[in-house]
Amino acid sequence: MKIIKNRMFFLVFSAFLVQAAMAQVKRYEGKVSQQLTVNSSTVIIDRSTRKQISYRSYEQLIQSAPGKYKLEPVFDKYGKASSFMLTRRTSAEAPQVIGFDEDLRPEVGEPLPPFVMQGLDGVTYDSEKLKGSYVLLGFWIRYEKPLYTLASTKVISAFVDAHRRRGIEIVSLGTTLDTREECLVNIPKRNCGFVPIPESFGFNHRYHIAETPFFILLDKQGNVMAMAPHTEFSLIGDLLLR
C-alpha cells in the first residue's frame, strides 16, 4: 500500500463574531478555515500512551481504521501548531473540527500560559519579559469591517491613552489571521490602540477564544486581571490601573 508523504487538511470551526454599534449589537456566526500540513517531520503524540509515534505508524493506523482517529493540533507559545495529538474519535464527532472549550480558558486570577508574539512593528513580545507591565491582548479574526472599525478600536485606544497620560504604559497587542502585507493595508494610519500581530490566530486556539473581538488584560505578574468581549469592554475600560 502506498504511503502518502504529505497530508493536508482543513481545520474549520464556528466562531461568534460580534459587532458593536451605537444603538444595537449584532451577532452572527462565521466560519474560518485554516490549513495545516502533516508530513514525515510532524510531531505526533498518541494521547492514550502520551508517547510520540512515527508518521508511518500514523498512516498505517488511519488506513487500517478509517475515520476512527483524529489529529488535534497543539498550539505552542508562539501560536504555532508545533505538534499534533492523535485521539480516538467519538461516534458523535464530525471530521476535522476544532472546537473551543471555554472551560480551558484561564480564569481571572490565574496566570496566562506564556506567549511569544512577533509584532508588525518588528518587536518580539515575550510574556516572560513583559512581566512588570500591564498587557492587553485583543483576539481578532481579521482587521476588516464589520468588526474592525474606527468605533470598535476607539475604546481600546482611549483606554491605553488615558493610562499613558497618567504615566502607566499598557502593552496592547492584537491577533489576526491577516498576513503582514494584509495588516499594512487594513490597519489605517491612525491609533488603533494595539500592535497588530500578523498570522497569529493560533493564539485564539491556544487560549480557547471563540468569540471575537475578545480581550484579556494581564496584571504585572502575568495573571489574568480581567477579560471581556468587545460588547462588554467597559469591564476592562472602566478599570483604573495603578
Protein backbone atom coordinates (compact mmCIF):
# COMPACT_ATOMS: atom_id res chain seq x y z
CA MET A 1 0.00 0.00 0.00
CA LYS A 2 1.42 3.39 -0.93
CA ILE A 3 2.19 5.69 1.96
CA ILE A 4 1.07 9.27 1.45
CA LYS A 5 4.03 11.59 2.05
CA ASN A 6 2.06 14.72 2.83
CA ARG A 7 -1.39 15.02 4.27
CA MET A 8 -3.06 18.40 4.14
CA PHE A 9 -6.39 19.06 5.76
CA PHE A 10 -8.60 21.95 6.71
CA LEU A 11 -9.47 22.72 10.29
CA VAL A 12 -12.76 24.57 10.46
CA PHE A 13 -14.54 25.98 13.43
CA SER A 14 -17.58 28.13 14.03
CA ALA A 15 -16.96 31.35 15.91
CA PHE A 16 -19.26 34.05 17.11
CA LEU A 17 -18.40 37.37 15.52
CA VAL A 18 -19.59 40.38 17.42
CA GLN A 19 -20.23 43.84 16.07
CA ALA A 20 -20.78 46.72 18.47
CA ALA A 21 -22.84 49.59 17.13
CA MET A 22 -24.13 52.80 18.66
CA ALA A 23 -27.73 51.65 19.05
CA GLN A 24 -27.55 47.89 18.82
CA VAL A 25 -25.33 44.85 18.98
CA LYS A 26 -25.27 42.40 16.11
CA ARG A 27 -24.09 38.82 16.40
CA TYR A 28 -23.62 36.37 13.62
CA GLU A 29 -21.89 33.09 13.08
CA GLY A 30 -18.94 32.90 10.75
CA LYS A 31 -16.51 30.22 9.64
CA VAL A 32 -12.76 30.45 9.41
CA SER A 33 -10.62 27.90 7.59
CA GLN A 34 -7.02 27.20 8.46
CA GLN A 35 -4.77 24.89 6.51
CA LEU A 36 -2.21 22.78 8.36
CA THR A 37 0.18 20.26 6.83
CA VAL A 38 1.08 16.90 8.36
CA ASN A 39 4.14 15.11 6.97
CA SER A 40 7.08 12.91 7.96
CA SER A 41 8.61 15.66 10.11
CA THR A 42 5.42 16.29 12.10
CA VAL A 43 5.50 15.52 15.82
CA ILE A 44 2.54 13.21 16.57
CA ILE A 45 1.70 12.17 20.14
CA ASP A 46 -0.61 9.23 20.91
CA ARG A 47 -2.97 10.53 23.59
CA SER A 48 -3.54 7.04 25.03
CA THR A 49 0.18 6.43 25.70
CA ARG A 50 1.49 10.04 25.77
CA LYS A 51 4.33 8.83 23.54
CA GLN A 52 5.41 10.08 20.14
CA ILE A 53 4.65 7.86 17.17
CA SER A 54 6.14 7.96 13.69
CA TYR A 55 4.34 9.39 10.70
CA ARG A 56 4.43 5.93 9.11
CA SER A 57 2.71 4.41 12.16
CA TYR A 58 0.09 7.16 11.99
CA GLU A 59 -0.57 6.47 8.30
CA GLN A 60 -0.86 2.73 8.91
CA LEU A 61 -3.27 3.33 11.79
CA ILE A 62 -5.67 5.59 9.89
CA GLN A 63 -5.57 3.32 6.85
CA SER A 64 -6.44 0.27 8.94
CA ALA A 65 -9.23 2.10 10.80
CA PRO A 66 -10.58 4.88 8.55
CA GLY A 67 -12.46 7.60 10.40
CA LYS A 68 -11.67 6.19 13.85
CA TYR A 69 -8.92 8.65 14.75
CA LYS A 70 -8.34 12.38 14.56
CA LEU A 71 -5.39 14.71 14.91
CA GLU A 72 -5.75 17.69 17.23
CA PRO A 73 -3.19 20.48 16.78
CA VAL A 74 -1.35 21.60 19.90
CA PHE A 75 -0.58 25.32 19.76
CA ASP A 76 2.63 26.40 21.49
CA LYS A 77 3.69 29.73 23.00
CA TYR A 78 4.46 31.02 19.50
CA GLY A 79 0.88 30.38 18.42
CA LYS A 80 2.02 27.61 16.08
CA ALA A 81 0.77 24.03 15.80
CA SER A 82 4.13 22.51 16.72
CA SER A 83 2.70 19.06 17.40
CA PHE A 84 -0.47 17.01 16.98
CA MET A 85 -2.34 14.80 19.42
CA LEU A 86 -3.70 11.55 17.99
CA THR A 87 -7.07 10.83 19.59
CA ARG A 88 -9.72 8.20 19.02
CA ARG A 89 -12.81 9.84 17.58
CA THR A 90 -16.19 9.52 19.26
CA SER A 91 -19.15 8.48 17.11
CA ALA A 92 -20.79 11.89 17.50
CA GLU A 93 -17.87 13.93 16.22
CA ALA A 94 -17.74 15.49 12.78
CA PRO A 95 -14.42 15.05 10.97
CA GLN A 96 -11.57 17.52 11.48
CA VAL A 97 -13.44 20.02 13.62
CA ILE A 98 -11.59 22.13 16.11
CA GLY A 99 -13.74 23.33 18.98
CA PHE A 100 -13.05 25.84 21.68
CA ASP A 101 -13.55 24.64 25.22
CA GLU A 102 -14.13 27.74 27.32
CA ASP A 103 -13.55 25.65 30.44
CA LEU A 104 -9.89 25.51 29.39
CA ARG A 105 -9.60 29.29 29.15
CA PRO A 106 -7.63 30.77 32.08
CA GLU A 107 -9.84 32.31 34.75
CA VAL A 108 -9.42 35.73 36.33
CA GLY A 109 -6.59 35.49 38.84
CA GLU A 110 -4.85 32.66 37.02
CA PRO A 111 -1.59 33.00 35.06
CA LEU A 112 -1.93 33.10 31.28
CA PRO A 113 0.13 30.39 29.55
CA PRO A 114 3.23 32.01 28.03
CA PHE A 115 3.37 33.54 24.58
CA VAL A 116 5.93 34.94 22.17
CA MET A 117 4.39 37.23 19.55
CA GLN A 118 6.05 38.92 16.58
CA GLY A 119 4.63 42.41 16.15
CA LEU A 120 4.05 44.29 12.92
CA ASP A 121 6.45 46.84 14.41
CA GLY A 122 9.30 44.31 14.30
CA VAL A 123 9.35 43.83 18.08
CA THR A 124 9.20 40.39 19.74
CA TYR A 125 6.74 40.38 22.63
CA ASP A 126 7.68 37.67 25.14
CA SER A 127 5.22 37.33 28.03
CA GLU A 128 8.02 36.41 30.42
CA LYS A 129 9.90 39.61 29.60
CA LEU A 130 6.69 41.66 29.77
CA LYS A 131 6.20 40.92 33.45
CA GLY A 132 6.26 44.22 35.29
CA SER A 133 3.95 45.76 32.68
CA TYR A 134 0.23 45.61 32.09
CA VAL A 135 -0.64 43.73 28.90
CA LEU A 136 -3.88 43.98 26.93
CA LEU A 137 -4.46 41.16 24.44
CA GLY A 138 -7.10 41.57 21.76
CA PHE A 139 -8.18 38.49 19.82
CA TRP A 140 -9.47 39.23 16.32
CA ILE A 141 -10.07 37.24 13.15
CA ARG A 142 -9.27 39.86 10.53
CA TYR A 143 -8.79 43.62 10.61
CA GLU A 144 -11.72 44.40 8.36
CA LYS A 145 -15.32 45.51 8.53
CA PRO A 146 -17.82 44.95 10.05
CA LEU A 147 -15.87 44.14 13.21
CA TYR A 148 -12.73 46.22 12.76
CA THR A 149 -13.81 49.87 12.52
CA LEU A 150 -12.87 53.24 13.95
CA ALA A 151 -15.65 52.88 16.53
CA SER A 152 -14.60 49.38 17.56
CA THR A 153 -10.96 50.35 18.14
CA LYS A 154 -11.61 53.75 19.69
CA VAL A 155 -12.46 52.22 23.08
CA ILE A 156 -9.11 50.41 23.04
CA SER A 157 -7.01 53.44 22.17
CA ALA A 158 -8.94 55.57 24.68
CA PHE A 159 -8.18 53.08 27.47
CA VAL A 160 -4.49 52.84 26.58
CA ASP A 161 -4.04 56.59 26.03
CA ALA A 162 -5.81 57.56 29.26
CA HIS A 163 -3.38 55.46 31.26
CA ARG A 164 -0.37 56.66 29.28
CA ARG A 165 -1.25 60.24 30.22
CA ARG A 166 -1.09 59.10 33.85
CA GLY A 167 2.34 57.58 33.30
CA ILE A 168 1.12 53.98 33.11
CA GLU A 169 2.11 52.07 29.98
CA ILE A 170 -0.05 49.23 28.69
CA VAL A 171 1.42 46.85 26.12
CA SER A 172 -1.53 46.31 23.78
CA LEU A 173 -1.40 43.53 21.16
CA GLY A 174 -3.93 42.19 18.65
CA THR A 175 -4.01 38.75 17.00
CA THR A 176 -5.25 38.12 13.47
CA LEU A 177 -5.27 35.75 10.51
CA ASP A 178 -4.02 38.62 8.34
CA THR A 179 -0.55 38.41 6.84
CA ARG A 180 1.96 41.22 7.32
CA GLU A 181 1.04 42.61 3.91
CA GLU A 182 -2.68 42.48 4.70
CA CYS A 183 -2.08 44.19 8.03
CA LEU A 184 -0.26 47.04 6.32
CA VAL A 185 -3.25 47.51 4.02
CA ASN A 186 -6.01 47.03 6.58
CA ILE A 187 -4.55 48.97 9.50
CA PRO A 188 -5.19 52.67 8.87
CA LYS A 189 -2.68 55.38 9.71
CA ARG A 190 -4.39 56.16 12.98
CA ASN A 191 -4.00 54.91 16.50
CA CYS A 192 -5.94 51.64 16.64
CA GLY A 193 -4.88 51.07 20.24
CA PHE A 194 -2.72 47.99 19.71
CA VAL A 195 0.22 46.50 17.85
CA PRO A 196 -1.01 44.03 15.19
CA ILE A 197 0.48 40.52 15.33
CA PRO A 198 0.35 39.10 11.77
CA GLU A 199 -0.65 35.46 11.21
CA SER A 200 -1.22 34.88 14.91
CA PHE A 201 -4.67 33.26 15.01
CA GLY A 202 -3.10 30.23 16.67
CA PHE A 203 -3.22 32.18 19.93
CA ASN A 204 -7.02 32.23 19.70
CA HIS A 205 -6.81 28.43 19.70
CA ARG A 206 -4.17 28.32 22.42
CA TYR A 207 -6.35 30.33 24.80
CA HIS A 208 -9.70 28.94 23.59
CA ILE A 209 -11.11 32.27 22.41
CA ALA A 210 -14.23 31.58 20.34
CA GLU A 211 -15.91 34.98 20.47
CA THR A 212 -14.19 37.81 18.69
CA PRO A 213 -13.16 40.52 19.26
CA PHE A 214 -12.30 39.39 22.79
CA PHE A 215 -9.92 40.99 25.27
CA ILE A 216 -7.77 39.77 28.16
CA LEU A 217 -5.99 42.19 30.50
CA LEU A 218 -2.93 40.87 32.33
CA ASP A 219 -1.56 42.34 35.53
CA LYS A 220 2.13 42.98 36.09
CA GLN A 221 2.67 39.39 37.21
CA GLY A 222 1.18 37.94 34.01
CA ASN A 223 -2.08 36.89 35.66
CA VAL A 224 -5.50 37.44 34.11
CA MET A 225 -6.84 40.63 35.67
CA ALA A 226 -9.99 40.98 33.58
CA MET A 227 -11.47 39.71 30.32
CA ALA A 228 -14.44 40.66 28.19
CA PRO A 229 -15.90 40.52 24.69
CA HIS A 230 -15.90 43.79 22.78
CA THR A 231 -19.55 44.42 23.61
CA GLU A 232 -18.61 44.44 27.30
CA PHE A 233 -15.26 46.20 27.02
CA SER A 234 -16.29 48.52 29.86
CA LEU A 235 -15.40 45.66 32.22
CA ILE A 236 -11.83 46.48 31.27
CA GLY A 237 -12.16 50.09 30.16
CA ASP A 238 -13.58 51.26 33.48
CA LEU A 239 -10.60 49.92 35.43
CA LEU A 240 -8.18 52.44 36.88
CA LEU A 241 -4.75 50.82 36.85
CA ARG A 242 -2.03 51.90 39.24
